Amino acid sequence: MSEQLASTLGTREYDHLFAGGVMPVVTETVTLKAGSSYMRGTVLGIVTASGEATTVDSTMTDGSEVAYAVLADDVDATTESRSADVYLTGEFNELALIFGGSDTAAKHKVALRGLGIFLKKTIGA
């Protein structure tokens, strides 16, 4: 009797978040600050006082003005803090990234490069 060794666990529609495969992708788990629903591709900063991640916004002065990582999946944290996987490194489509306030990829591009997060403009975002 043969045993099935492979199965389909799920599917993911290509969303153009990744822009290349040369740079290795490193992941980590963070705690997202309660009060928001976060979308895959959101660039996150860390609030110094709590250690929780939230959408990066250069107008803030609580630590979250500094980019830290890119959110890997949609997460609803509207009612409570939630654990979430993030990308610490990789090549990303800057047109698919989400920033807080009036921030843009250009505002954070140099700092992200220092973290090992490289931004490229690609189609389809």
PDB file of N, CA and C in Angstrom:
ATOM      1  N   MET A   1       0.844  -1.169   0.000  1.00  0.00           N
ATOM      2  CA  MET A   1       0.000   0.000   0.000  1.00  0.00           C
ATOM      3  C   MET A   1       0.898   1.244   0.000  1.00  0.00           C
ATOM      4  N   SER A   2       0.619   2.169  -0.901  1.00  0.00           N
ATOM      5  CA  SER A   2       1.436   3.381  -0.979  1.00  0.00           C
ATOM      6  C   SER A   2       0.893   4.460  -0.044  1.00  0.00           C
ATOM      7  N   GLU A   3       1.814   5.286   0.410  1.00  0.00           N
ATOM      8  CA  GLU A   3       1.458   6.374   1.325  1.00  0.00           C
ATOM      9  C   GLU A   3       1.652   7.706   0.607  1.00  0.00           C
ATOM     10  N   GLN A   4       0.672   8.577   0.701  1.00  0.00           N
ATOM     11  CA  GLN A   4       0.778   9.894   0.076  1.00  0.00           C
ATOM     12  C   GLN A   4       1.703  10.763   0.918  1.00  0.00           C
ATOM     13  N   LEU A   5       2.735  11.293   0.296  1.00  0.00           N
ATOM     14  CA  LEU A   5       3.719  12.095   1.016  1.00  0.00           C
ATOM     15  C   LEU A   5       3.581  13.585   0.758  1.00  0.00           C
ATOM     16  N   ALA A   6       2.710  13.960  -0.140  1.00  0.00           N
ATOM     17  CA  ALA A   6       2.542  15.377  -0.456  1.00  0.00           C
ATOM     18  C   ALA A   6       1.064  15.724  -0.460  1.00  0.00           C
ATOM     19  N   SER A   7       0.776  16.940  -0.075  1.00  0.00           N
ATOM     20  CA  SER A   7      -0.607  17.411  -0.121  1.00  0.00           C
ATOM     21  C   SER A   7      -0.611  18.916  -0.305  1.00  0.00           C
ATOM     22  N   THR A   8      -1.738  19.437  -0.705  1.00  0.00           N
ATOM     23  CA  THR A   8      -1.883  20.877  -0.861  1.00  0.00           C
ATOM     24  C   THR A   8      -2.356  21.458   0.461  1.00  0.00           C
ATOM     25  N   LEU A   9      -1.569  22.365   1.020  1.00  0.00           N
ATOM     26  CA  LEU A   9      -1.914  22.978   2.297  1.00  0.00           C
ATOM     27  C   LEU A   9      -2.729  24.244   2.126  1.00  0.00           C
ATOM     28  N   GLY A  10      -2.612  24.865   0.998  1.00  0.00           N
ATOM     29  CA  GLY A  10      -3.331  26.102   0.742  1.00  0.00           C
ATOM     30  C   GLY A  10      -2.772  26.753  -0.504  1.00  0.00           C
ATOM     31  N   THR A  11      -3.326  27.869  -0.850  1.00  0.00           N
ATOM     32  CA  THR A  11      -2.842  28.595  -2.016  1.00  0.00           C
ATOM     33  C   THR A  11      -2.676  30.061  -1.658  1.00  0.00           C
ATOM     34  N   ARG A  12      -1.851  30.747  -2.415  1.00  0.00           N
ATOM     35  CA  ARG A  12      -1.670  32.172  -2.229  1.00  0.00           C
ATOM     36  C   ARG A  12      -1.631  32.811  -3.602  1.00  0.00           C
ATOM     37  N   GLU A  13      -2.425  33.832  -3.768  1.00  0.00           N
ATOM     38  CA  GLU A  13      -2.405  34.576  -5.012  1.00  0.00           C
ATOM     39  C   GLU A  13      -1.188  35.489  -5.000  1.00  0.00           C
ATOM     40  N   TYR A  14      -0.489  35.544  -6.122  1.00  0.00           N
ATOM     41  CA  TYR A  14       0.696  36.388  -6.203  1.00  0.00           C
ATOM     42  C   TYR A  14       0.276  37.845  -6.095  1.00  0.00           C
ATOM     43  N   ASP A  15       0.849  38.559  -5.136  1.00  0.00           N
ATOM     44  CA  ASP A  15       0.439  39.944  -4.884  1.00  0.00           C
ATOM     45  C   ASP A  15       1.530  40.965  -5.191  1.00  0.00           C
ATOM     46  N   HIS A  16       2.627  40.521  -5.776  1.00  0.00           N
ATOM     47  CA  HIS A  16       3.712  41.413  -6.196  1.00  0.00           C
ATOM     48  C   HIS A  16       4.428  42.084  -5.032  1.00  0.00           C
ATOM     49  N   LEU A  17       4.334  41.542  -3.821  1.00  0.00           N
ATOM     50  CA  LEU A  17       5.059  42.126  -2.693  1.00  0.00           C
ATOM     51  C   LEU A  17       6.558  41.911  -2.850  1.00  0.00           C
ATOM     52  N   PHE A  18       6.940  40.718  -3.247  1.00  0.00           N
ATOM     53  CA  PHE A  18       8.364  40.440  -3.435  1.00  0.00           C
ATOM     54  C   PHE A  18       8.802  40.894  -4.817  1.00  0.00           C
ATOM     55  N   ALA A  19      10.019  41.434  -4.883  1.00  0.00           N
ATOM     56  CA  ALA A  19      10.518  41.983  -6.142  1.00  0.00           C
ATOM     57  C   ALA A  19      11.799  41.302  -6.596  1.00  0.00           C
ATOM     58  N   GLY A  20      12.146  40.206  -6.009  1.00  0.00           N
ATOM     59  CA  GLY A  20      13.354  39.498  -6.403  1.00  0.00           C
ATOM     60  C   GLY A  20      13.628  38.364  -5.449  1.00  0.00           C
ATOM     61  N   GLY A  21      14.571  37.529  -5.839  1.00  0.00           N
ATOM     62  CA  GLY A  21      14.886  36.383  -5.009  1.00  0.00           C
ATOM     63  C   GLY A  21      16.358  36.225  -4.713  1.00  0.00           C
ATOM     64  N   VAL A  22      17.134  37.286  -4.902  1.00  0.00           N
ATOM     65  CA  VAL A  22      18.568  37.208  -4.654  1.00  0.00           C
ATOM     66  C   VAL A  22      18.865  37.366  -3.165  1.00  0.00           C
ATOM     67  N   MET A  23      18.230  38.332  -2.530  1.00  0.00           N
ATOM     68  CA  MET A  23      18.436  38.589  -1.104  1.00  0.00           C
ATOM     69  C   MET A  23      17.655  37.562  -0.291  1.00  0.00           C
ATOM     70  N   PRO A  24      18.298  36.905   0.677  1.00  0.00           N
ATOM     71  CA  PRO A  24      17.559  35.941   1.496  1.00  0.00           C
ATOM     72  C   PRO A  24      16.439  36.608   2.296  1.00  0.00           C
ATOM     73  N   VAL A  25      15.381  35.857   2.530  1.00  0.00           N
ATOM     74  CA  VAL A  25      14.260  36.346   3.328  1.00  0.00           C
ATOM     75  C   VAL A  25      14.400  35.761   4.734  1.00  0.00           C
ATOM     76  N   VAL A  26      14.486  36.646   5.721  1.00  0.00           N
ATOM     77  CA  VAL A  26      14.573  36.237   7.121  1.00  0.00           C
ATOM     78  C   VAL A  26      13.296  36.706   7.806  1.00  0.00           C
ATOM     79  N   THR A  27      12.696  35.829   8.606  1.00  0.00           N
ATOM     80  CA  THR A  27      11.445  36.175   9.278  1.00  0.00           C
ATOM     81  C   THR A  27      11.620  36.184  10.790  1.00  0.00           C
ATOM     82  N   GLU A  28      10.644  36.787  11.444  1.00  0.00           N
ATOM     83  CA  GLU A  28      10.609  36.869  12.902  1.00  0.00           C
ATOM     84  C   GLU A  28       9.147  37.065  13.295  1.00  0.00           C
ATOM     85  N   THR A  29       8.833  36.848  14.541  1.00  0.00           N
ATOM     86  CA  THR A  29       7.490  37.110  15.045  1.00  0.00           C
ATOM     87  C   THR A  29       7.535  38.333  15.947  1.00  0.00           C
ATOM     88  N   VAL A  30       6.586  39.255  15.749  1.00  0.00           N
ATOM     89  CA  VAL A  30       6.465  40.448  16.591  1.00  0.00           C
ATOM     90  C   VAL A  30       5.052  40.500  17.152  1.00  0.00           C
ATOM     91  N   THR A  31       4.845  41.379  18.109  1.00  0.00           N
ATOM     92  CA  THR A  31       3.507  41.637  18.628  1.00  0.00           C
ATOM     93  C   THR A  31       3.021  42.949  18.041  1.00  0.00           C
ATOM     94  N   LEU A  32       1.873  42.907  17.366  1.00  0.00           N
ATOM     95  CA  LEU A  32       1.288  44.108  16.778  1.00  0.00           C
ATOM     96  C   LEU A  32       0.465  44.845  17.820  1.00  0.00           C
ATOM     97  N   LYS A  33       0.607  46.148  17.848  1.00  0.00           N
ATOM     98  CA  LYS A  33      -0.144  47.011  18.757  1.00  0.00           C
ATOM     99  C   LYS A  33      -1.639  46.929  18.441  1.00  0.00           C
ATOM    100  N   ALA A  34      -2.448  46.856  19.475  1.00  0.00           N
ATOM    101  CA  ALA A  34      -3.903  46.809  19.310  1.00  0.00           C
ATOM    102  C   ALA A  34      -4.427  48.135  18.765  1.00  0.00           C
ATOM    103  N   GLY A  35      -5.576  48.054  18.089  1.00  0.00           N
ATOM    104  CA  GLY A  35      -6.254  49.250  17.619  1.00  0.00           C
ATOM    105  C   GLY A  35      -6.297  49.419  16.121  1.00  0.00           C
ATOM    106  N   SER A  36      -5.686  48.490  15.380  1.00  0.00           N
ATOM    107  CA  SER A  36      -5.666  48.592  13.919  1.00  0.00           C
ATOM    108  C   SER A  36      -5.804  47.220  13.285  1.00  0.00           C
ATOM    109  N   SER A  37      -6.211  47.245  12.035  1.00  0.00           N
ATOM    110  CA  SER A  37      -6.163  46.062  11.199  1.00  0.00           C
ATOM    111  C   SER A  37      -5.008  46.299  10.234  1.00  0.00           C
ATOM    112  N   TYR A  38      -4.044  45.405  10.210  1.00  0.00           N
ATOM    113  CA  TYR A  38      -2.826  45.587   9.431  1.00  0.00           C
ATOM    114  C   TYR A  38      -2.872  44.716   8.184  1.00  0.00           C
ATOM    115  N   MET A  39      -2.381  45.244   7.079  1.00  0.00           N
ATOM    116  CA  MET A  39      -2.374  44.509   5.814  1.00  0.00           C
ATOM    117  C   MET A  39      -0.971  44.013   5.481  1.00  0.00           C
ATOM    118  N   ARG A  40      -0.913  42.867   4.825  1.00  0.00           N
ATOM    119  CA  ARG A  40       0.357  42.326   4.332  1.00  0.00           C
ATOM    120  C   ARG A  40       1.073  43.421   3.545  1.00  0.00           C
ATOM    121  N   GLY A  41       2.368  43.577   3.792  1.00  0.00           N
ATOM    122  CA  GLY A  41       3.146  44.595   3.101  1.00  0.00           C
ATOM    123  C   GLY A  41       3.267  45.890   3.877  1.00  0.00           C
ATOM    124  N   THR A  42       2.641  45.966   5.052  1.00  0.00           N
ATOM    125  CA  THR A  42       2.766  47.166   5.880  1.00  0.00           C
ATOM    126  C   THR A  42       4.172  47.221   6.463  1.00  0.00           C
ATOM    127  N   VAL A  43       4.814  48.369   6.327  1.00  0.00           N
ATOM    128  CA  VAL A  43       6.124  48.571   6.936  1.00  0.00           C
ATOM    129  C   VAL A  43       5.887  48.955   8.391  1.00  0.00           C
ATOM    130  N   LEU A  44       6.555  48.261   9.283  1.00  0.00           N
ATOM    131  CA  LEU A  44       6.322  48.432  10.713  1.00  0.00           C
ATOM    132  C   LEU A  44       7.504  49.077  11.414  1.00  0.00           C
ATOM    133  N   GLY A  45       7.191  49.826  12.463  1.00  0.00           N
ATOM    134  CA  GLY A  45       8.177  50.340  13.398  1.00  0.00           C
ATOM    135  C   GLY A  45       7.840  49.786  14.772  1.00  0.00           C
ATOM    136  N   ILE A  46       8.757  49.891  15.707  1.00  0.00           N
ATOM    137  CA  ILE A  46       8.552  49.356  17.054  1.00  0.00           C
ATOM    138  C   ILE A  46       8.381  50.505  18.042  1.00  0.00           C
ATOM    139  N   VAL A  47       7.288  50.491  18.798  1.00  0.00           N
ATOM    140  CA  VAL A  47       7.052  51.482  19.851  1.00  0.00           C
ATOM    141  C   VAL A  47       8.010  51.151  20.993  1.00  0.00           C
ATOM    142  N   THR A  48       8.878  52.086  21.327  1.00  0.00           N
ATOM    143  CA  THR A  48       9.922  51.845  22.317  1.00  0.00           C
ATOM    144  C   THR A  48       9.363  51.444  23.680  1.00  0.00           C
ATOM    145  N   ALA A  49       8.354  52.133  24.162  1.00  0.00           N
ATOM    146  CA  ALA A  49       7.824  51.891  25.511  1.00  0.00           C
ATOM    147  C   ALA A  49       7.206  50.508  25.673  1.00  0.00           C
ATOM    148  N   SER A  50       6.534  50.008  24.644  1.00  0.00           N
ATOM    149  CA  SER A  50       5.816  48.733  24.761  1.00  0.00           C
ATOM    150  C   SER A  50       6.508  47.571  24.055  1.00  0.00           C
ATOM    151  N   GLY A  51       7.382  47.881  23.096  1.00  0.00           N
ATOM    152  CA  GLY A  51       8.008  46.838  22.292  1.00  0.00           C
ATOM    153  C   GLY A  51       7.092  46.279  21.218  1.00  0.00           C
ATOM    154  N   GLU A  52       5.901  46.872  21.072  1.00  0.00           N
ATOM    155  CA  GLU A  52       4.945  46.407  20.071  1.00  0.00           C
ATOM    156  C   GLU A  52       5.186  47.101  18.734  1.00  0.00           C
ATOM    157  N   ALA A  53       4.846  46.400  17.664  1.00  0.00           N
ATOM    158  CA  ALA A  53       5.002  46.941  16.317  1.00  0.00           C
ATOM    159  C   ALA A  53       3.717  47.622  15.876  1.00  0.00           C
ATOM    160  N   THR A  54       3.883  48.675  15.074  1.00  0.00           N
ATOM    161  CA  THR A  54       2.757  49.372  14.471  1.00  0.00           C
ATOM    162  C   THR A  54       3.225  49.964  13.147  1.00  0.00           C
ATOM    163  N   THR A  55       2.316  50.472  12.370  1.00  0.00           N
ATOM    164  CA  THR A  55       2.658  51.037  11.063  1.00  0.00           C
ATOM    165  C   THR A  55       3.666  52.168  11.228  1.00  0.00           C
ATOM    166  N   VAL A  56       4.750  52.108  10.461  1.00  0.00           N
ATOM    167  CA  VAL A  56       5.780  53.141  10.537  1.00  0.00           C
ATOM    168  C   VAL A  56       5.190  54.481  10.105  1.00  0.00           C
ATOM    169  N   ASP A  57       5.542  55.534  10.832  1.00  0.00           N
ATOM    170  CA  ASP A  57       5.042  56.881  10.534  1.00  0.00           C
ATOM    171  C   ASP A  57       6.084  57.872  11.022  1.00  0.00           C
ATOM    172  N   SER A  58       6.718  58.576  10.094  1.00  0.00           N
ATOM    173  CA  SER A  58       7.830  59.469  10.434  1.00  0.00           C
ATOM    174  C   SER A  58       7.428  60.655  11.295  1.00  0.00           C
ATOM    175  N   THR A  59       6.127  60.918  11.449  1.00  0.00           N
ATOM    176  CA  THR A  59       5.703  62.038  12.299  1.00  0.00           C
ATOM    177  C   THR A  59       5.616  61.642  13.772  1.00  0.00           C
ATOM    178  N   MET A  60       5.728  60.358  14.065  1.00  0.00           N
ATOM    179  CA  MET A  60       5.647  59.887  15.446  1.00  0.00           C
ATOM    180  C   MET A  60       6.990  60.085  16.150  1.00  0.00           C
ATOM    181  N   THR A  61       6.966  60.063  17.468  1.00  0.00           N
ATOM    182  CA  THR A  61       8.197  60.209  18.254  1.00  0.00           C
ATOM    183  C   THR A  61       8.288  59.124  19.330  1.00  0.00           C
ATOM    184  N   ASP A  62       7.599  58.008  19.103  1.00  0.00           N
ATOM    185  CA  ASP A  62       7.561  56.926  20.090  1.00  0.00           C
ATOM    186  C   ASP A  62       8.413  55.720  19.698  1.00  0.00           C
ATOM    187  N   GLY A  63       9.222  55.867  18.663  1.00  0.00           N
ATOM    188  CA  GLY A  63      10.036  54.769  18.152  1.00  0.00           C
ATOM    189  C   GLY A  63       9.484  54.189  16.865  1.00  0.00           C
ATOM    190  N   SER A  64       8.177  54.332  16.659  1.00  0.00           N
ATOM    191  CA  SER A  64       7.559  53.761  15.457  1.00  0.00           C
ATOM    192  C   SER A  64       7.831  54.588  14.205  1.00  0.00           C
ATOM    193  N   GLU A  65       8.571  55.673  14.356  1.00  0.00           N
ATOM    194  CA  GLU A  65       8.955  56.466  13.190  1.00  0.00           C
ATOM    195  C   GLU A  65      10.110  55.820  12.426  1.00  0.00           C
ATOM    196  N   VAL A  66      10.740  54.823  13.024  1.00  0.00           N
ATOM    197  CA  VAL A  66      11.881  54.133  12.428  1.00  0.00           C
ATOM    198  C   VAL A  66      11.423  52.772  11.905  1.00  0.00           C
ATOM    199  N   ALA A  67      11.632  52.531  10.628  1.00  0.00           N
ATOM    200  CA  ALA A  67      11.216  51.265  10.017  1.00  0.00           C
ATOM    201  C   ALA A  67      11.983  50.096  10.617  1.00  0.00           C
ATOM    202  N   TYR A  68      11.277  48.973  10.788  1.00  0.00           N
ATOM    203  CA  TYR A  68      11.872  47.780  11.381  1.00  0.00           C
ATOM    204  C   TYR A  68      11.704  46.534  10.505  1.00  0.00           C
ATOM    205  N   ALA A  69      10.519  46.345   9.926  1.00  0.00           N
ATOM    206  CA  ALA A  69      10.226  45.112   9.197  1.00  0.00           C
ATOM    207  C   ALA A  69       9.016  45.303   8.294  1.00  0.00           C
ATOM    208  N   VAL A  70       8.719  44.278   7.493  1.00  0.00           N
ATOM    209  CA  VAL A  70       7.555  44.268   6.600  1.00  0.00           C
ATOM    210  C   VAL A  70       6.624  43.141   7.052  1.00  0.00           C
ATOM    211  N   LEU A  71       5.356  43.459   7.221  1.00  0.00           N
ATOM    212  CA  LEU A  71       4.373  42.482   7.682  1.00  0.00           C
ATOM    213  C   LEU A  71       4.129  41.403   6.623  1.00  0.00           C
ATOM    214  N   ALA A  72       4.129  40.141   7.052  1.00  0.00           N
ATOM    215  CA  ALA A  72       4.012  39.015   6.129  1.00  0.00           C
ATOM    216  C   ALA A  72       2.574  38.666   5.751  1.00  0.00           C
ATOM    217  N   ASP A  73       1.611  38.922   6.631  1.00  0.00           N
ATOM    218  CA  ASP A  73       0.219  38.537   6.386  1.00  0.00           C
ATOM    219  C   ASP A  73      -0.724  39.603   6.924  1.00  0.00           C
ATOM    220  N   ASP A  74      -1.962  39.597   6.448  1.00  0.00           N
ATOM    221  CA  ASP A  74      -2.994  40.463   7.026  1.00  0.00           C
ATOM    222  C   ASP A  74      -3.249  40.014   8.465  1.00  0.00           C
ATOM    223  N   VAL A  75      -3.381  40.989   9.383  1.00  0.00           N
ATOM    224  CA  VAL A  75      -3.649  40.666  10.786  1.00  0.00           C
ATOM    225  C   VAL A  75      -4.642  41.674  11.342  1.00  0.00           C
ATOM    226  N   ASP A  76      -5.705  41.176  11.960  1.00  0.00           N
ATOM    227  CA  ASP A  76      -6.689  42.041  12.609  1.00  0.00           C
ATOM    228  C   ASP A  76      -6.341  42.167  14.089  1.00  0.00           C
ATOM    229  N   ALA A  77      -5.849  43.327  14.473  1.00  0.00           N
ATOM    230  CA  ALA A  77      -5.511  43.600  15.871  1.00  0.00           C
ATOM    231  C   ALA A  77      -6.376  44.744  16.399  1.00  0.00           C
ATOM    232  N   THR A  78      -7.586  44.861  15.883  1.00  0.00           N
ATOM    233  CA  THR A  78      -8.440  45.990  16.279  1.00  0.00           C
ATOM    234  C   THR A  78      -8.826  45.942  17.749  1.00  0.00           C
ATOM    235  N   THR A  79      -8.990  44.761  18.317  1.00  0.00           N
ATOM    236  CA  THR A  79      -9.447  44.682  19.709  1.00  0.00           C
ATOM    237  C   THR A  79      -8.361  44.280  20.698  1.00  0.00           C
ATOM    238  N   GLU A  80      -7.293  43.646  20.207  1.00  0.00           N
ATOM    239  CA  GLU A  80      -6.209  43.251  21.109  1.00  0.00           C
ATOM    240  C   GLU A  80      -4.915  43.084  20.329  1.00  0.00           C
ATOM    241  N   SER A  81      -3.798  43.161  21.042  1.00  0.00           N
ATOM    242  CA  SER A  81      -2.497  42.928  20.426  1.00  0.00           C
ATOM    243  C   SER A  81      -2.447  41.508  19.883  1.00  0.00           C
ATOM    244  N   ARG A  82      -1.752  41.336  18.764  1.00  0.00           N
ATOM    245  CA  ARG A  82      -1.662  40.019  18.118  1.00  0.00           C
ATOM    246  C   ARG A  82      -0.228  39.726  17.693  1.00  0.00           C
ATOM    247  N   SER A  83       0.141  38.471  17.739  1.00  0.00           N
ATOM    248  CA  SER A  83       1.427  38.039  17.196  1.00  0.00           C
ATOM    249  C   SER A  83       1.327  38.010  15.679  1.00  0.00           C
ATOM    250  N   ALA A  84       2.432  38.339  15.023  1.00  0.00           N
ATOM    251  CA  ALA A  84       2.437  38.354  13.562  1.00  0.00           C
ATOM    252  C   ALA A  84       3.837  38.073  13.042  1.00  0.00           C
ATOM    253  N   ASP A  85       3.906  37.409  11.901  1.00  0.00           N
ATOM    254  CA  ASP A  85       5.182  37.161  11.246  1.00  0.00           C
ATOM    255  C   ASP A  85       5.555  38.366  10.399  1.00  0.00           C
ATOM    256  N   VAL A  86       6.848  38.688  10.415  1.00  0.00           N
ATOM    257  CA  VAL A  86       7.357  39.812   9.629  1.00  0.00           C
ATOM    258  C   VAL A  86       8.598  39.378   8.868  1.00  0.00           C
ATOM    259  N   TYR A  87       8.883  40.116   7.807  1.00  0.00           N
ATOM    260  CA  TYR A  87      10.109  39.921   7.045  1.00  0.00           C
ATOM    261  C   TYR A  87      11.138  40.933   7.536  1.00  0.00           C
ATOM    262  N   LEU A  88      12.305  40.434   7.947  1.00  0.00           N
ATOM    263  CA  LEU A  88      13.391  41.309   8.384  1.00  0.00           C
ATOM    264  C   LEU A  88      14.326  41.660   7.238  1.00  0.00           C
ATOM    265  N   THR A  89      14.354  40.822   6.218  1.00  0.00           N
ATOM    266  CA  THR A  89      15.188  41.070   5.045  1.00  0.00           C
ATOM    267  C   THR A  89      14.452  40.592   3.799  1.00  0.00           C
ATOM    268  N   GLY A  90      14.915  41.071   2.652  1.00  0.00           N
ATOM    269  CA  GLY A  90      14.347  40.640   1.382  1.00  0.00           C
ATOM    270  C   GLY A  90      14.303  41.770   0.380  1.00  0.00           C
ATOM    271  N   GLU A  91      13.846  41.443  -0.823  1.00  0.00           N
ATOM    272  CA  GLU A  91      13.679  42.412  -1.904  1.00  0.00           C
ATOM    273  C   GLU A  91      12.186  42.604  -2.125  1.00  0.00           C
ATOM    274  N   PHE A  92      11.724  43.843  -1.979  1.00  0.00           N
ATOM    275  CA  PHE A  92      10.291  44.120  -2.010  1.00  0.00           C
ATOM    276  C   PHE A  92       9.935  45.160  -3.066  1.00  0.00           C
ATOM    277  N   ASN A  93       8.731  45.026  -3.591  1.00  0.00           N
ATOM    278  CA  ASN A  93       8.174  45.972  -4.545  1.00  0.00           C
ATOM    279  C   ASN A  93       7.718  47.202  -3.769  1.00  0.00           C
ATOM    280  N   GLU A  94       8.388  48.312  -3.947  1.00  0.00           N
ATOM    281  CA  GLU A  94       8.042  49.510  -3.172  1.00  0.00           C
ATOM    282  C   GLU A  94       6.624  49.997  -3.453  1.00  0.00           C
ATOM    283  N   LEU A  95       6.067  49.643  -4.609  1.00  0.00           N
ATOM    284  CA  LEU A  95       4.704  50.055  -4.933  1.00  0.00           C
ATOM    285  C   LEU A  95       3.657  49.239  -4.170  1.00  0.00           C
ATOM    286  N   ALA A  96       4.074  48.119  -3.579  1.00  0.00           N
ATOM    287  CA  ALA A  96       3.147  47.263  -2.835  1.00  0.00           C
ATOM    288  C   ALA A  96       3.230  47.479  -1.324  1.00  0.00           C
ATOM    289  N   LEU A  97       4.160  48.308  -0.877  1.00  0.00           N
ATOM    290  CA  LEU A  97       4.331  48.534   0.558  1.00  0.00           C
ATOM    291  C   LEU A  97       3.357  49.583   1.078  1.00  0.00           C
ATOM    292  N   ILE A  98       3.005  49.460   2.340  1.00  0.00           N
ATOM    293  CA  ILE A  98       2.054  50.366   2.993  1.00  0.00           C
ATOM    294  C   ILE A  98       2.779  51.092   4.116  1.00  0.00           C
ATOM    295  N   PHE A  99       2.629  52.406   4.145  1.00  0.00           N
ATOM    296  CA  PHE A  99       3.259  53.249   5.159  1.00  0.00           C
ATOM    297  C   PHE A  99       2.191  54.051   5.885  1.00  0.00           C
ATOM    298  N   GLY A 100       2.522  54.541   7.074  1.00  0.00           N
ATOM    299  CA  GLY A 100       1.584  55.358   7.833  1.00  0.00           C
ATOM    300  C   GLY A 100       1.685  56.828   7.474  1.00  0.00           C
ATOM    301  N   GLY A 101       0.668  57.591   7.859  1.00  0.00           N
ATOM    302  CA  GLY A 101       0.653  59.028   7.604  1.00  0.00           C
ATOM    303  C   GLY A 101       0.823  59.315   6.129  1.00  0.00           C
ATOM    304  N   SER A 102       1.681  60.275   5.827  1.00  0.00           N
ATOM    305  CA  SER A 102       1.953  60.620   4.431  1.00  0.00           C
ATOM    306  C   SER A 102       3.293  60.044   3.974  1.00  0.00           C
ATOM    307  N   ASP A 103       3.836  59.098   4.728  1.00  0.00           N
ATOM    308  CA  ASP A 103       5.124  58.495   4.387  1.00  0.00           C
ATOM    309  C   ASP A 103       5.044  57.733   3.065  1.00  0.00           C
ATOM    310  N   THR A 104       6.188  57.660   2.400  1.00  0.00           N
ATOM    311  CA  THR A 104       6.318  56.937   1.139  1.00  0.00           C
ATOM    312  C   THR A 104       7.552  56.045   1.207  1.00  0.00           C
ATOM    313  N   ALA A 105       7.704  55.198   0.213  1.00  0.00           N
ATOM    314  CA  ALA A 105       8.891  54.352   0.131  1.00  0.00           C
ATOM    315  C   ALA A 105      10.156  55.199   0.081  1.00  0.00           C
ATOM    316  N   ALA A 106      10.110  56.310  -0.637  1.00  0.00           N
ATOM    317  CA  ALA A 106      11.284  57.175  -0.754  1.00  0.00           C
ATOM    318  C   ALA A 106      11.753  57.678   0.611  1.00  0.00           C
ATOM    319  N   LYS A 107      10.834  57.935   1.501  1.00  0.00           N
ATOM    320  CA  LYS A 107      11.161  58.441   2.843  1.00  0.00           C
ATOM    321  C   LYS A 107      11.981  57.427   3.642  1.00  0.00           C
ATOM    322  N   HIS A 108      11.728  56.142   3.455  1.00  0.00           N
ATOM    323  CA  HIS A 108      12.348  55.104   4.278  1.00  0.00           C
ATOM    324  C   HIS A 108      13.343  54.216   3.526  1.00  0.00           C
ATOM    325  N   LYS A 109      13.528  54.446   2.233  1.00  0.00           N
ATOM    326  CA  LYS A 109      14.320  53.545   1.392  1.00  0.00           C
ATOM    327  C   LYS A 109      15.751  53.347   1.897  1.00  0.00           C
ATOM    328  N   VAL A 110      16.436  54.419   2.240  1.00  0.00           N
ATOM    329  CA  VAL A 110      17.828  54.318   2.690  1.00  0.00           C
ATOM    330  C   VAL A 110      17.917  53.573   4.019  1.00  0.00           C
ATOM    331  N   ALA A 111      17.042  53.901   4.957  1.00  0.00           N
ATOM    332  CA  ALA A 111      17.053  53.222   6.257  1.00  0.00           C
ATOM    333  C   ALA A 111      16.732  51.738   6.101  1.00  0.00           C
ATOM    334  N   LEU A 112      15.790  51.405   5.236  1.00  0.00           N
ATOM    335  CA  LEU A 112      15.435  50.005   5.011  1.00  0.00           C
ATOM    336  C   LEU A 112      16.600  49.232   4.398  1.00  0.00           C
ATOM    337  N   ARG A 113      17.336  49.878   3.509  1.00  0.00           N
ATOM    338  CA  ARG A 113      18.491  49.226   2.898  1.00  0.00           C
ATOM    339  C   ARG A 113      19.504  48.828   3.968  1.00  0.00           C
ATOM    340  N   GLY A 114      19.661  49.675   4.987  1.00  0.00           N
ATOM    341  CA  GLY A 114      20.559  49.366   6.099  1.00  0.00           C
ATOM    342  C   GLY A 114      20.112  48.165   6.918  1.00  0.00           C
ATOM    343  N   LEU A 115      18.831  47.825   6.846  1.00  0.00           N
ATOM    344  CA  LEU A 115      18.285  46.666   7.557  1.00  0.00           C
ATOM    345  C   LEU A 115      18.331  45.388   6.720  1.00  0.00           C
ATOM    346  N   GLY A 116      18.699  45.529   5.447  1.00  0.00           N
ATOM    347  CA  GLY A 116      18.666  44.370   4.557  1.00  0.00           C
ATOM    348  C   GLY A 116      17.346  44.222   3.824  1.00  0.00           C
ATOM    349  N   ILE A 117      16.552  45.297   3.838  1.00  0.00           N
ATOM    350  CA  ILE A 117      15.295  45.332   3.090  1.00  0.00           C
ATOM    351  C   ILE A 117      15.523  46.236   1.885  1.00  0.00           C
ATOM    352  N   PHE A 118      15.483  45.643   0.698  1.00  0.00           N
ATOM    353  CA  PHE A 118      15.775  46.375  -0.526  1.00  0.00           C
ATOM    354  C   PHE A 118      14.485  46.614  -1.299  1.00  0.00           C
ATOM    355  N   LEU A 119      14.298  47.848  -1.769  1.00  0.00           N
ATOM    356  CA  LEU A 119      13.079  48.238  -2.474  1.00  0.00           C
ATOM    357  C   LEU A 119      13.358  48.411  -3.956  1.00  0.00           C
ATOM    358  N   LYS A 120      12.428  47.907  -4.772  1.00  0.00           N
ATOM    359  CA  LYS A 120      12.507  48.038  -6.225  1.00  0.00           C
ATOM    360  C   LYS A 120      11.125  48.380  -6.735  1.00  0.00           C
ATOM    361  N   LYS A 121      11.070  49.109  -7.836  1.00  0.00           N
ATOM    362  CA  LYS A 121       9.786  49.383  -8.481  1.00  0.00           C
ATOM    363  C   LYS A 121       9.522  48.278  -9.487  1.00  0.00           C
ATOM    364  N   THR A 122       8.409  47.589  -9.313  1.00  0.00           N
ATOM    365  CA  THR A 122       8.007  46.559 -10.261  1.00  0.00           C
ATOM    366  C   THR A 122       6.549  46.767 -10.619  1.00  0.00           C
ATOM    367  N   ILE A 123       6.100  46.086 -11.638  1.00  0.00           N
ATOM    368  CA  ILE A 123       4.721  46.260 -12.097  1.00  0.00           C
ATOM    369  C   ILE A 123       3.743  45.479 -11.238  1.00  0.00           C
ATOM    370  N   GLY A 124       2.490  45.816 -11.360  1.00  0.00           N
ATOM    371  CA  GLY A 124       1.434  44.997 -10.808  1.00  0.00           C
ATOM    372  C   GLY A 124       1.022  45.256  -9.387  1.00  0.00           C
ATOM    373  N   ALA A 125       1.566  46.256  -8.742  1.00  0.00           N
ATOM    374  CA  ALA A 125       1.201  46.478  -7.335  1.00  0.00           C
ATOM    375  C   ALA A 125      -0.132  47.168  -7.225  1.00  0.00           C
TER     376      ALA A 125
END
